Amino acid sequence: MTLPIGEWRLIANGHTRFFKVESVDSNGRLNATMQNTFKVNGFWDERSKRIIFQRIIEEGKPRREQTYVGYLMDDPDDEETNHYRMAGYFDDFGPAARAERIMHGWFGQIGKTVSK
């Protein structure tokens, strides 16, 4: 199962985000955006079904980046739910970060195209 292309709906630390995957090149490099405005740098590893990417909040300011790691899950009920799912964690070292709250969970899903 490869990374589905399209707009993923993510819930990240209680916030809804839209993560749009345009493509993945032969080296696994993502062409993607978050919320249609934030640049994303990242990779998809087909073998491990792992995604890792940085959401660039302010270009050139390392403290304004969030790094996401997640895995595409094989859902045994996927024929019924008609969705692909991913889940993982992200770190946030931004201005509001505290030692006890730099790691946060996230999950996402995207609908499957159903052919009849």
PDB file of N, CA and C in Angstrom:
ATOM      1  N   MET A   1       0.856  -1.177   0.000  1.00  0.00           N
ATOM      2  CA  MET A   1       0.000   0.000   0.000  1.00  0.00           C
ATOM      3  C   MET A   1       0.900   1.237   0.000  1.00  0.00           C
ATOM      4  N   THR A   2       0.735   2.064  -0.985  1.00  0.00           N
ATOM      5  CA  THR A   2       1.527   3.288  -1.100  1.00  0.00           C
ATOM      6  C   THR A   2       0.792   4.456  -0.433  1.00  0.00           C
ATOM      7  N   LEU A   3       1.486   5.553  -0.261  1.00  0.00           N
ATOM      8  CA  LEU A   3       0.866   6.721   0.365  1.00  0.00           C
ATOM      9  C   LEU A   3      -0.215   7.283  -0.561  1.00  0.00           C
ATOM     10  N   PRO A   4      -1.458   7.348  -0.106  1.00  0.00           N
ATOM     11  CA  PRO A   4      -2.523   7.918  -0.935  1.00  0.00           C
ATOM     12  C   PRO A   4      -2.296   9.421  -1.172  1.00  0.00           C
ATOM     13  N   ILE A   5      -2.463   9.816  -2.420  1.00  0.00           N
ATOM     14  CA  ILE A   5      -2.312  11.208  -2.832  1.00  0.00           C
ATOM     15  C   ILE A   5      -3.660  11.906  -2.655  1.00  0.00           C
ATOM     16  N   GLY A   6      -3.624  13.160  -2.227  1.00  0.00           N
ATOM     17  CA  GLY A   6      -4.848  13.930  -2.046  1.00  0.00           C
ATOM     18  C   GLY A   6      -4.819  14.688  -0.738  1.00  0.00           C
ATOM     19  N   GLU A   7      -5.987  15.133  -0.295  1.00  0.00           N
ATOM     20  CA  GLU A   7      -6.079  15.936   0.922  1.00  0.00           C
ATOM     21  C   GLU A   7      -6.458  15.082   2.115  1.00  0.00           C
ATOM     22  N   TRP A   8      -5.533  14.996   3.049  1.00  0.00           N
ATOM     23  CA  TRP A   8      -5.724  14.286   4.300  1.00  0.00           C
ATOM     24  C   TRP A   8      -6.306  15.238   5.331  1.00  0.00           C
ATOM     25  N   ARG A   9      -7.199  14.761   6.150  1.00  0.00           N
ATOM     26  CA  ARG A   9      -7.707  15.528   7.292  1.00  0.00           C
ATOM     27  C   ARG A   9      -6.967  15.001   8.516  1.00  0.00           C
ATOM     28  N   LEU A  10      -6.176  15.880   9.155  1.00  0.00           N
ATOM     29  CA  LEU A  10      -5.404  15.504  10.339  1.00  0.00           C
ATOM     30  C   LEU A  10      -6.001  16.150  11.576  1.00  0.00           C
ATOM     31  N   ILE A  11      -5.946  15.429  12.672  1.00  0.00           N
ATOM     32  CA  ILE A  11      -6.227  15.997  13.988  1.00  0.00           C
ATOM     33  C   ILE A  11      -4.892  15.950  14.723  1.00  0.00           C
ATOM     34  N   ALA A  12      -4.338  17.123  15.013  1.00  0.00           N
ATOM     35  CA  ALA A  12      -3.021  17.241  15.627  1.00  0.00           C
ATOM     36  C   ALA A  12      -3.155  18.011  16.929  1.00  0.00           C
ATOM     37  N   ASN A  13      -2.995  17.303  18.045  1.00  0.00           N
ATOM     38  CA  ASN A  13      -3.131  17.917  19.369  1.00  0.00           C
ATOM     39  C   ASN A  13      -4.468  18.659  19.498  1.00  0.00           C
ATOM     40  N   GLY A  14      -5.532  18.069  18.954  1.00  0.00           N
ATOM     41  CA  GLY A  14      -6.862  18.658  19.068  1.00  0.00           C
ATOM     42  C   GLY A  14      -7.224  19.673  18.005  1.00  0.00           C
ATOM     43  N   HIS A  15      -6.297  19.962  17.084  1.00  0.00           N
ATOM     44  CA  HIS A  15      -6.541  20.942  16.024  1.00  0.00           C
ATOM     45  C   HIS A  15      -6.688  20.232  14.684  1.00  0.00           C
ATOM     46  N   THR A  16      -7.684  20.610  13.904  1.00  0.00           N
ATOM     47  CA  THR A  16      -7.864  20.045  12.574  1.00  0.00           C
ATOM     48  C   THR A  16      -6.942  20.750  11.593  1.00  0.00           C
ATOM     49  N   ARG A  17      -6.223  19.956  10.824  1.00  0.00           N
ATOM     50  CA  ARG A  17      -5.317  20.469   9.802  1.00  0.00           C
ATOM     51  C   ARG A  17      -5.608  19.724   8.497  1.00  0.00           C
ATOM     52  N   PHE A  18      -5.425  20.399   7.376  1.00  0.00           N
ATOM     53  CA  PHE A  18      -5.576  19.744   6.083  1.00  0.00           C
ATOM     54  C   PHE A  18      -4.204  19.642   5.452  1.00  0.00           C
ATOM     55  N   PHE A  19      -3.797  18.411   5.188  1.00  0.00           N
ATOM     56  CA  PHE A  19      -2.472  18.075   4.682  1.00  0.00           C
ATOM     57  C   PHE A  19      -2.649  17.542   3.261  1.00  0.00           C
ATOM     58  N   LYS A  20      -2.209  18.310   2.282  1.00  0.00           N
ATOM     59  CA  LYS A  20      -2.414  17.942   0.888  1.00  0.00           C
ATOM     60  C   LYS A  20      -1.133  17.371   0.288  1.00  0.00           C
ATOM     61  N   VAL A  21      -1.190  16.108  -0.072  1.00  0.00           N
ATOM     62  CA  VAL A  21      -0.069  15.435  -0.720  1.00  0.00           C
ATOM     63  C   VAL A  21      -0.302  15.492  -2.225  1.00  0.00           C
ATOM     64  N   GLU A  22       0.576  16.207  -2.920  1.00  0.00           N
ATOM     65  CA  GLU A  22       0.480  16.336  -4.381  1.00  0.00           C
ATOM     66  C   GLU A  22       1.154  15.161  -5.076  1.00  0.00           C
ATOM     67  N   SER A  23       2.326  14.776  -4.552  1.00  0.00           N
ATOM     68  CA  SER A  23       3.069  13.678  -5.171  1.00  0.00           C
ATOM     69  C   SER A  23       4.189  13.218  -4.245  1.00  0.00           C
ATOM     70  N   VAL A  24       4.760  12.058  -4.599  1.00  0.00           N
ATOM     71  CA  VAL A  24       5.951  11.520  -3.943  1.00  0.00           C
ATOM     72  C   VAL A  24       6.876  11.091  -5.070  1.00  0.00           C
ATOM     73  N   ASP A  25       8.107  11.621  -5.082  1.00  0.00           N
ATOM     74  CA  ASP A  25       9.011  11.269  -6.181  1.00  0.00           C
ATOM     75  C   ASP A  25       9.673   9.911  -5.936  1.00  0.00           C
ATOM     76  N   SER A  26      10.520   9.486  -6.862  1.00  0.00           N
ATOM     77  CA  SER A  26      11.144   8.160  -6.783  1.00  0.00           C
ATOM     78  C   SER A  26      12.107   8.020  -5.601  1.00  0.00           C
ATOM     79  N   ASN A  27      12.546   9.130  -5.021  1.00  0.00           N
ATOM     80  CA  ASN A  27      13.403   9.103  -3.830  1.00  0.00           C
ATOM     81  C   ASN A  27      12.597   9.225  -2.539  1.00  0.00           C
ATOM     82  N   GLY A  28      11.268   9.286  -2.660  1.00  0.00           N
ATOM     83  CA  GLY A  28      10.405   9.386  -1.488  1.00  0.00           C
ATOM     84  C   GLY A  28      10.162  10.814  -1.022  1.00  0.00           C
ATOM     85  N   ARG A  29      10.662  11.791  -1.748  1.00  0.00           N
ATOM     86  CA  ARG A  29      10.479  13.196  -1.348  1.00  0.00           C
ATOM     87  C   ARG A  29       9.036  13.610  -1.588  1.00  0.00           C
ATOM     88  N   LEU A  30       8.437  14.232  -0.551  1.00  0.00           N
ATOM     89  CA  LEU A  30       7.054  14.695  -0.640  1.00  0.00           C
ATOM     90  C   LEU A  30       6.945  16.037  -1.340  1.00  0.00           C
ATOM     91  N   ASN A  31       5.894  16.203  -2.106  1.00  0.00           N
ATOM     92  CA  ASN A  31       5.464  17.502  -2.602  1.00  0.00           C
ATOM     93  C   ASN A  31       4.117  17.710  -1.925  1.00  0.00           C
ATOM     94  N   ALA A  32       4.090  18.542  -0.873  1.00  0.00           N
ATOM     95  CA  ALA A  32       2.886  18.669  -0.050  1.00  0.00           C
ATOM     96  C   ALA A  32       2.805  20.034   0.611  1.00  0.00           C
ATOM     97  N   THR A  33       1.604  20.378   1.074  1.00  0.00           N
ATOM     98  CA  THR A  33       1.371  21.594   1.844  1.00  0.00           C
ATOM     99  C   THR A  33       0.442  21.252   3.001  1.00  0.00           C
ATOM    100  N   MET A  34       0.434  22.131   3.983  1.00  0.00           N
ATOM    101  CA  MET A  34      -0.518  22.005   5.084  1.00  0.00           C
ATOM    102  C   MET A  34      -1.332  23.287   5.135  1.00  0.00           C
ATOM    103  N   GLN A  35      -2.628  23.143   5.254  1.00  0.00           N
ATOM    104  CA  GLN A  35      -3.561  24.264   5.283  1.00  0.00           C
ATOM    105  C   GLN A  35      -3.447  25.120   4.020  1.00  0.00           C
ATOM    106  N   ASN A  36      -2.949  24.535   2.936  1.00  0.00           N
ATOM    107  CA  ASN A  36      -2.781  25.211   1.647  1.00  0.00           C
ATOM    108  C   ASN A  36      -1.815  26.390   1.680  1.00  0.00           C
ATOM    109  N   THR A  37      -1.222  26.699   2.827  1.00  0.00           N
ATOM    110  CA  THR A  37      -0.314  27.846   2.902  1.00  0.00           C
ATOM    111  C   THR A  37       1.051  27.502   3.479  1.00  0.00           C
ATOM    112  N   PHE A  38       1.133  26.496   4.322  1.00  0.00           N
ATOM    113  CA  PHE A  38       2.403  26.166   4.974  1.00  0.00           C
ATOM    114  C   PHE A  38       3.190  25.180   4.128  1.00  0.00           C
ATOM    115  N   LYS A  39       4.433  25.528   3.877  1.00  0.00           N
ATOM    116  CA  LYS A  39       5.336  24.655   3.141  1.00  0.00           C
ATOM    117  C   LYS A  39       5.641  23.420   3.976  1.00  0.00           C
ATOM    118  N   VAL A  40       5.812  22.308   3.302  1.00  0.00           N
ATOM    119  CA  VAL A  40       6.149  21.046   3.961  1.00  0.00           C
ATOM    120  C   VAL A  40       7.381  20.465   3.284  1.00  0.00           C
ATOM    121  N   ASN A  41       8.364  20.057   4.087  1.00  0.00           N
ATOM    122  CA  ASN A  41       9.530  19.312   3.602  1.00  0.00           C
ATOM    123  C   ASN A  41       9.463  17.937   4.229  1.00  0.00           C
ATOM    124  N   GLY A  42       9.570  16.883   3.426  1.00  0.00           N
ATOM    125  CA  GLY A  42       9.497  15.571   4.046  1.00  0.00           C
ATOM    126  C   GLY A  42       9.691  14.416   3.094  1.00  0.00           C
ATOM    127  N   PHE A  43       9.545  13.213   3.661  1.00  0.00           N
ATOM    128  CA  PHE A  43       9.776  11.975   2.939  1.00  0.00           C
ATOM    129  C   PHE A  43       8.726  10.922   3.292  1.00  0.00           C
ATOM    130  N   TRP A  44       8.499  10.052   2.321  1.00  0.00           N
ATOM    131  CA  TRP A  44       7.661   8.873   2.499  1.00  0.00           C
ATOM    132  C   TRP A  44       8.545   7.656   2.263  1.00  0.00           C
ATOM    133  N   ASP A  45       8.564   6.717   3.222  1.00  0.00           N
ATOM    134  CA  ASP A  45       9.328   5.483   3.089  1.00  0.00           C
ATOM    135  C   ASP A  45       8.343   4.351   2.807  1.00  0.00           C
ATOM    136  N   GLU A  46       8.362   3.874   1.577  1.00  0.00           N
ATOM    137  CA  GLU A  46       7.403   2.849   1.143  1.00  0.00           C
ATOM    138  C   GLU A  46       7.554   1.550   1.929  1.00  0.00           C
ATOM    139  N   ARG A  47       8.769   1.159   2.207  1.00  0.00           N
ATOM    140  CA  ARG A  47       8.990  -0.126   2.888  1.00  0.00           C
ATOM    141  C   ARG A  47       8.398  -0.129   4.296  1.00  0.00           C
ATOM    142  N   SER A  48       8.652   0.901   5.068  1.00  0.00           N
ATOM    143  CA  SER A  48       8.160   0.936   6.454  1.00  0.00           C
ATOM    144  C   SER A  48       6.792   1.588   6.578  1.00  0.00           C
ATOM    145  N   LYS A  49       6.280   2.166   5.477  1.00  0.00           N
ATOM    146  CA  LYS A  49       5.002   2.903   5.482  1.00  0.00           C
ATOM    147  C   LYS A  49       5.068   4.087   6.441  1.00  0.00           C
ATOM    148  N   ARG A  50       6.261   4.711   6.512  1.00  0.00           N
ATOM    149  CA  ARG A  50       6.503   5.831   7.438  1.00  0.00           C
ATOM    150  C   ARG A  50       6.578   7.145   6.676  1.00  0.00           C
ATOM    151  N   ILE A  51       5.971   8.167   7.250  1.00  0.00           N
ATOM    152  CA  ILE A  51       6.069   9.518   6.728  1.00  0.00           C
ATOM    153  C   ILE A  51       6.775  10.366   7.779  1.00  0.00           C
ATOM    154  N   ILE A  52       7.639  11.244   7.305  1.00  0.00           N
ATOM    155  CA  ILE A  52       8.269  12.213   8.204  1.00  0.00           C
ATOM    156  C   ILE A  52       8.330  13.534   7.442  1.00  0.00           C
ATOM    157  N   PHE A  53       7.843  14.587   8.080  1.00  0.00           N
ATOM    158  CA  PHE A  53       7.842  15.885   7.411  1.00  0.00           C
ATOM    159  C   PHE A  53       7.884  17.018   8.419  1.00  0.00           C
ATOM    160  N   GLN A  54       8.350  18.169   7.943  1.00  0.00           N
ATOM    161  CA  GLN A  54       8.352  19.388   8.742  1.00  0.00           C
ATOM    162  C   GLN A  54       7.335  20.351   8.171  1.00  0.00           C
ATOM    163  N   ARG A  55       6.520  20.873   9.046  1.00  0.00           N
ATOM    164  CA  ARG A  55       5.597  21.954   8.688  1.00  0.00           C
ATOM    165  C   ARG A  55       6.349  23.253   8.963  1.00  0.00           C
ATOM    166  N   ILE A  56       6.596  24.039   7.919  1.00  0.00           N
ATOM    167  CA  ILE A  56       7.357  25.282   8.044  1.00  0.00           C
ATOM    168  C   ILE A  56       6.364  26.406   8.339  1.00  0.00           C
ATOM    169  N   ILE A  57       6.362  26.902   9.563  1.00  0.00           N
ATOM    170  CA  ILE A  57       5.420  27.945   9.960  1.00  0.00           C
ATOM    171  C   ILE A  57       5.935  29.317   9.541  1.00  0.00           C
ATOM    172  N   GLU A  58       7.229  29.558   9.769  1.00  0.00           N
ATOM    173  CA  GLU A  58       7.864  30.793   9.307  1.00  0.00           C
ATOM    174  C   GLU A  58       9.204  30.430   8.696  1.00  0.00           C
ATOM    175  N   GLU A  59       9.331  30.661   7.412  1.00  0.00           N
ATOM    176  CA  GLU A  59      10.555  30.338   6.677  1.00  0.00           C
ATOM    177  C   GLU A  59      11.767  30.991   7.347  1.00  0.00           C
ATOM    178  N   GLY A  60      12.817  30.203   7.533  1.00  0.00           N
ATOM    179  CA  GLY A  60      14.060  30.721   8.088  1.00  0.00           C
ATOM    180  C   GLY A  60      14.098  30.831   9.606  1.00  0.00           C
ATOM    181  N   LYS A  61      13.025  30.408  10.271  1.00  0.00           N
ATOM    182  CA  LYS A  61      12.982  30.459  11.738  1.00  0.00           C
ATOM    183  C   LYS A  61      12.789  29.043  12.273  1.00  0.00           C
ATOM    184  N   PRO A  62      13.902  28.378  12.649  1.00  0.00           N
ATOM    185  CA  PRO A  62      13.819  26.977  13.070  1.00  0.00           C
ATOM    186  C   PRO A  62      12.862  26.726  14.236  1.00  0.00           C
ATOM    187  N   ARG A  63      12.668  27.695  15.102  1.00  0.00           N
ATOM    188  CA  ARG A  63      11.761  27.485  16.227  1.00  0.00           C
ATOM    189  C   ARG A  63      10.309  27.532  15.788  1.00  0.00           C
ATOM    190  N   ARG A  64      10.057  27.823  14.536  1.00  0.00           N
ATOM    191  CA  ARG A  64       8.696  27.889  14.020  1.00  0.00           C
ATOM    192  C   ARG A  64       8.425  26.730  13.048  1.00  0.00           C
ATOM    193  N   GLU A  65       8.988  25.569  13.357  1.00  0.00           N
ATOM    194  CA  GLU A  65       8.765  24.367  12.572  1.00  0.00           C
ATOM    195  C   GLU A  65       8.220  23.279  13.490  1.00  0.00           C
ATOM    196  N   GLN A  66       7.418  22.409  12.918  1.00  0.00           N
ATOM    197  CA  GLN A  66       6.931  21.240  13.636  1.00  0.00           C
ATOM    198  C   GLN A  66       7.343  20.025  12.817  1.00  0.00           C
ATOM    199  N   THR A  67       7.890  19.011  13.481  1.00  0.00           N
ATOM    200  CA  THR A  67       8.312  17.795  12.803  1.00  0.00           C
ATOM    201  C   THR A  67       7.338  16.671  13.130  1.00  0.00           C
ATOM    202  N   TYR A  68       6.728  16.116  12.074  1.00  0.00           N
ATOM    203  CA  TYR A  68       5.731  15.043  12.197  1.00  0.00           C
ATOM    204  C   TYR A  68       6.338  13.711  11.766  1.00  0.00           C
ATOM    205  N   VAL A  69       6.029  12.651  12.497  1.00  0.00           N
ATOM    206  CA  VAL A  69       6.385  11.287  12.138  1.00  0.00           C
ATOM    207  C   VAL A  69       5.111  10.461  12.272  1.00  0.00           C
ATOM    208  N   GLY A  70       4.842   9.629  11.286  1.00  0.00           N
ATOM    209  CA  GLY A  70       3.647   8.805  11.363  1.00  0.00           C
ATOM    210  C   GLY A  70       3.751   7.580  10.476  1.00  0.00           C
ATOM    211  N   TYR A  71       2.767   6.694  10.630  1.00  0.00           N
ATOM    212  CA  TYR A  71       2.737   5.443   9.887  1.00  0.00           C
ATOM    213  C   TYR A  71       1.364   5.214   9.285  1.00  0.00           C
ATOM    214  N   LEU A  72       1.359   4.747   8.044  1.00  0.00           N
ATOM    215  CA  LEU A  72       0.133   4.364   7.374  1.00  0.00           C
ATOM    216  C   LEU A  72      -0.284   3.010   7.921  1.00  0.00           C
ATOM    217  N   MET A  73      -1.526   2.895   8.323  1.00  0.00           N
ATOM    218  CA  MET A  73      -2.010   1.668   8.942  1.00  0.00           C
ATOM    219  C   MET A  73      -2.881   0.881   7.977  1.00  0.00           C
ATOM    220  N   ASP A  74      -2.720  -0.415   8.021  1.00  0.00           N
ATOM    221  CA  ASP A  74      -3.543  -1.317   7.237  1.00  0.00           C
ATOM    222  C   ASP A  74      -4.758  -1.661   8.089  1.00  0.00           C
ATOM    223  N   ASP A  75      -5.905  -1.119   7.746  1.00  0.00           N
ATOM    224  CA  ASP A  75      -7.132  -1.285   8.520  1.00  0.00           C
ATOM    225  C   ASP A  75      -7.882  -2.515   8.021  1.00  0.00           C
ATOM    226  N   PRO A  76      -8.095  -3.509   8.889  1.00  0.00           N
ATOM    227  CA  PRO A  76      -8.808  -4.712   8.442  1.00  0.00           C
ATOM    228  C   PRO A  76     -10.254  -4.428   8.030  1.00  0.00           C
ATOM    229  N   ASP A  77     -10.818  -3.322   8.478  1.00  0.00           N
ATOM    230  CA  ASP A  77     -12.191  -2.962   8.127  1.00  0.00           C
ATOM    231  C   ASP A  77     -12.240  -1.920   7.021  1.00  0.00           C
ATOM    232  N   ASP A  78     -11.137  -1.772   6.261  1.00  0.00           N
ATOM    233  CA  ASP A  78     -11.082  -0.671   5.305  1.00  0.00           C
ATOM    234  C   ASP A  78     -12.143  -0.755   4.218  1.00  0.00           C
ATOM    235  N   GLU A  79     -12.650  -1.930   3.913  1.00  0.00           N
ATOM    236  CA  GLU A  79     -13.715  -2.026   2.910  1.00  0.00           C
ATOM    237  C   GLU A  79     -14.995  -1.378   3.423  1.00  0.00           C
ATOM    238  N   GLU A  80     -15.220  -1.450   4.728  1.00  0.00           N
ATOM    239  CA  GLU A  80     -16.419  -0.858   5.317  1.00  0.00           C
ATOM    240  C   GLU A  80     -16.256   0.639   5.574  1.00  0.00           C
ATOM    241  N   THR A  81     -15.080   1.037   6.063  1.00  0.00           N
ATOM    242  CA  THR A  81     -14.879   2.440   6.434  1.00  0.00           C
ATOM    243  C   THR A  81     -14.557   3.314   5.244  1.00  0.00           C
ATOM    244  N   ASN A  82     -13.980   2.713   4.201  1.00  0.00           N
ATOM    245  CA  ASN A  82     -13.639   3.445   2.985  1.00  0.00           C
ATOM    246  C   ASN A  82     -12.638   4.581   3.223  1.00  0.00           C
ATOM    247  N   HIS A  83     -11.700   4.378   4.168  1.00  0.00           N
ATOM    248  CA  HIS A  83     -10.679   5.375   4.474  1.00  0.00           C
ATOM    249  C   HIS A  83      -9.316   4.717   4.626  1.00  0.00           C
ATOM    250  N   TYR A  84      -8.284   5.488   4.333  1.00  0.00           N
ATOM    251  CA  TYR A  84      -6.923   5.147   4.729  1.00  0.00           C
ATOM    252  C   TYR A  84      -6.633   5.959   5.984  1.00  0.00           C
ATOM    253  N   ARG A  85      -5.792   5.399   6.869  1.00  0.00           N
ATOM    254  CA  ARG A  85      -5.484   6.091   8.125  1.00  0.00           C
ATOM    255  C   ARG A  85      -3.980   6.100   8.393  1.00  0.00           C
ATOM    256  N   MET A  86      -3.544   7.194   9.043  1.00  0.00           N
ATOM    257  CA  MET A  86      -2.172   7.327   9.539  1.00  0.00           C
ATOM    258  C   MET A  86      -2.248   7.857  10.958  1.00  0.00           C
ATOM    259  N   ALA A  87      -1.216   7.594  11.734  1.00  0.00           N
ATOM    260  CA  ALA A  87      -1.127   8.157  13.084  1.00  0.00           C
ATOM    261  C   ALA A  87       0.339   8.269  13.471  1.00  0.00           C
ATOM    262  N   GLY A  88       0.615   9.182  14.411  1.00  0.00           N
ATOM    263  CA  GLY A  88       1.978   9.357  14.874  1.00  0.00           C
ATOM    264  C   GLY A  88       2.089  10.454  15.912  1.00  0.00           C
ATOM    265  N   TYR A  89       3.217  11.127  15.903  1.00  0.00           N
ATOM    266  CA  TYR A  89       3.489  12.201  16.862  1.00  0.00           C
ATOM    267  C   TYR A  89       4.175  13.343  16.134  1.00  0.00           C
ATOM    268  N   PHE A  90       4.153  14.513  16.758  1.00  0.00           N
ATOM    269  CA  PHE A  90       4.930  15.644  16.239  1.00  0.00           C
ATOM    270  C   PHE A  90       5.529  16.400  17.402  1.00  0.00           C
ATOM    271  N   ASP A  91       6.651  17.062  17.150  1.00  0.00           N
ATOM    272  CA  ASP A  91       7.269  17.904  18.171  1.00  0.00           C
ATOM    273  C   ASP A  91       7.091  19.361  17.785  1.00  0.00           C
ATOM    274  N   ASP A  92       7.011  20.182  18.809  1.00  0.00           N
ATOM    275  CA  ASP A  92       6.796  21.615  18.620  1.00  0.00           C
ATOM    276  C   ASP A  92       7.689  22.357  19.603  1.00  0.00           C
ATOM    277  N   PHE A  93       8.741  22.971  19.085  1.00  0.00           N
ATOM    278  CA  PHE A  93       9.673  23.713  19.922  1.00  0.00           C
ATOM    279  C   PHE A  93       9.416  25.214  19.833  1.00  0.00           C
ATOM    280  N   GLY A  94       8.205  25.590  19.466  1.00  0.00           N
ATOM    281  CA  GLY A  94       7.848  26.996  19.286  1.00  0.00           C
ATOM    282  C   GLY A  94       7.837  27.783  20.575  1.00  0.00           C
ATOM    283  N   PRO A  95       7.490  29.049  20.491  1.00  0.00           N
ATOM    284  CA  PRO A  95       7.529  29.953  21.640  1.00  0.00           C
ATOM    285  C   PRO A  95       6.672  29.514  22.826  1.00  0.00           C
ATOM    286  N   ALA A  96       5.599  28.770  22.595  1.00  0.00           N
ATOM    287  CA  ALA A  96       4.719  28.350  23.696  1.00  0.00           C
ATOM    288  C   ALA A  96       5.114  27.000  24.283  1.00  0.00           C
ATOM    289  N   ALA A  97       6.191  26.391  23.791  1.00  0.00           N
ATOM    290  CA  ALA A  97       6.598  25.053  24.243  1.00  0.00           C
ATOM    291  C   ALA A  97       7.051  25.064  25.694  1.00  0.00           C
ATOM    292  N   ARG A  98       6.768  23.967  26.375  1.00  0.00           N
ATOM    293  CA  ARG A  98       7.236  23.724  27.742  1.00  0.00           C
ATOM    294  C   ARG A  98       7.840  22.327  27.762  1.00  0.00           C
ATOM    295  N   ALA A  99       8.735  22.060  28.663  1.00  0.00           N
ATOM    296  CA  ALA A  99       9.435  20.776  28.697  1.00  0.00           C
ATOM    297  C   ALA A  99       8.471  19.596  28.716  1.00  0.00           C
ATOM    298  N   GLU A 100       7.380  19.713  29.419  1.00  0.00           N
ATOM    299  CA  GLU A 100       6.430  18.595  29.518  1.00  0.00           C
ATOM    300  C   GLU A 100       5.464  18.524  28.345  1.00  0.00           C
ATOM    301  N   ARG A 101       5.514  19.476  27.410  1.00  0.00           N
ATOM    302  CA  ARG A 101       4.562  19.481  26.291  1.00  0.00           C
ATOM    303  C   ARG A 101       5.224  19.850  24.961  1.00  0.00           C
ATOM    304  N   ILE A 102       6.257  19.087  24.593  1.00  0.00           N
ATOM    305  CA  ILE A 102       6.827  19.333  23.263  1.00  0.00           C
ATOM    306  C   ILE A 102       6.414  18.242  22.266  1.00  0.00           C
ATOM    307  N   MET A 103       5.962  17.087  22.754  1.00  0.00           N
ATOM    308  CA  MET A 103       5.522  15.995  21.885  1.00  0.00           C
ATOM    309  C   MET A 103       4.003  15.910  21.943  1.00  0.00           C
ATOM    310  N   HIS A 104       3.398  15.781  20.769  1.00  0.00           N
ATOM    311  CA  HIS A 104       1.946  15.732  20.656  1.00  0.00           C
ATOM    312  C   HIS A 104       1.558  14.621  19.691  1.00  0.00           C
ATOM    313  N   GLY A 105       0.373  14.064  19.876  1.00  0.00           N
ATOM    314  CA  GLY A 105      -0.111  13.028  18.978  1.00  0.00           C
ATOM    315  C   GLY A 105      -0.900  13.605  17.812  1.00  0.00           C
ATOM    316  N   TRP A 106      -0.986  12.847  16.737  1.00  0.00           N
ATOM    317  CA  TRP A 106      -1.811  13.221  15.594  1.00  0.00           C
ATOM    318  C   TRP A 106      -2.314  11.962  14.898  1.00  0.00           C
ATOM    319  N   PHE A 107      -3.426  12.097  14.203  1.00  0.00           N
ATOM    320  CA  PHE A 107      -3.912  11.033  13.340  1.00  0.00           C
ATOM    321  C   PHE A 107      -4.601  11.672  12.148  1.00  0.00           C
ATOM    322  N   GLY A 108      -4.732  10.910  11.091  1.00  0.00           N
ATOM    323  CA  GLY A 108      -5.351  11.458   9.887  1.00  0.00           C
ATOM    324  C   GLY A 108      -6.019  10.390   9.069  1.00  0.00           C
ATOM    325  N   GLN A 109      -6.888  10.847   8.185  1.00  0.00           N
ATOM    326  CA  GLN A 109      -7.524   9.927   7.259  1.00  0.00           C
ATOM    327  C   GLN A 109      -7.837  10.624   5.946  1.00  0.00           C
ATOM    328  N   ILE A 110      -7.980   9.803   4.921  1.00  0.00           N
ATOM    329  CA  ILE A 110      -8.340  10.264   3.590  1.00  0.00           C
ATOM    330  C   ILE A 110      -9.289   9.213   3.013  1.00  0.00           C
ATOM    331  N   GLY A 111     -10.273   9.678   2.296  1.00  0.00           N
ATOM    332  CA  GLY A 111     -11.217   8.752   1.672  1.00  0.00           C
ATOM    333  C   GLY A 111     -10.605   8.017   0.499  1.00  0.00           C
ATOM    334  N   LYS A 112     -11.081   6.798   0.284  1.00  0.00           N
ATOM    335  CA  LYS A 112     -10.645   5.998  -0.864  1.00  0.00           C
ATOM    336  C   LYS A 112     -11.535   6.322  -2.047  1.00  0.00           C
ATOM    337  N   THR A 113     -10.968   6.162  -3.209  1.00  0.00           N
ATOM    338  CA  THR A 113     -11.764   6.256  -4.426  1.00  0.00           C
ATOM    339  C   THR A 113     -12.364   4.872  -4.667  1.00  0.00           C
ATOM    340  N   VAL A 114     -13.655   4.812  -4.763  1.00  0.00           N
ATOM    341  CA  VAL A 114     -14.340   3.542  -4.939  1.00  0.00           C
ATOM    342  C   VAL A 114     -14.709   3.377  -6.406  1.00  0.00           C
ATOM    343  N   SER A 115     -14.275   2.289  -6.984  1.00  0.00           N
ATOM    344  CA  SER A 115     -14.651   2.024  -8.381  1.00  0.00           C
ATOM    345  C   SER A 115     -15.764   0.992  -8.413  1.00  0.00           C
ATOM    346  N   LYS A 116     -16.717   1.183  -9.307  1.00  0.00           N
ATOM    347  CA  LYS A 116     -17.846   0.247  -9.393  1.00  0.00           C
ATOM    348  C   LYS A 116     -17.890  -0.388 -10.743  1.00  0.00           C
TER     349      LYS A 116
END
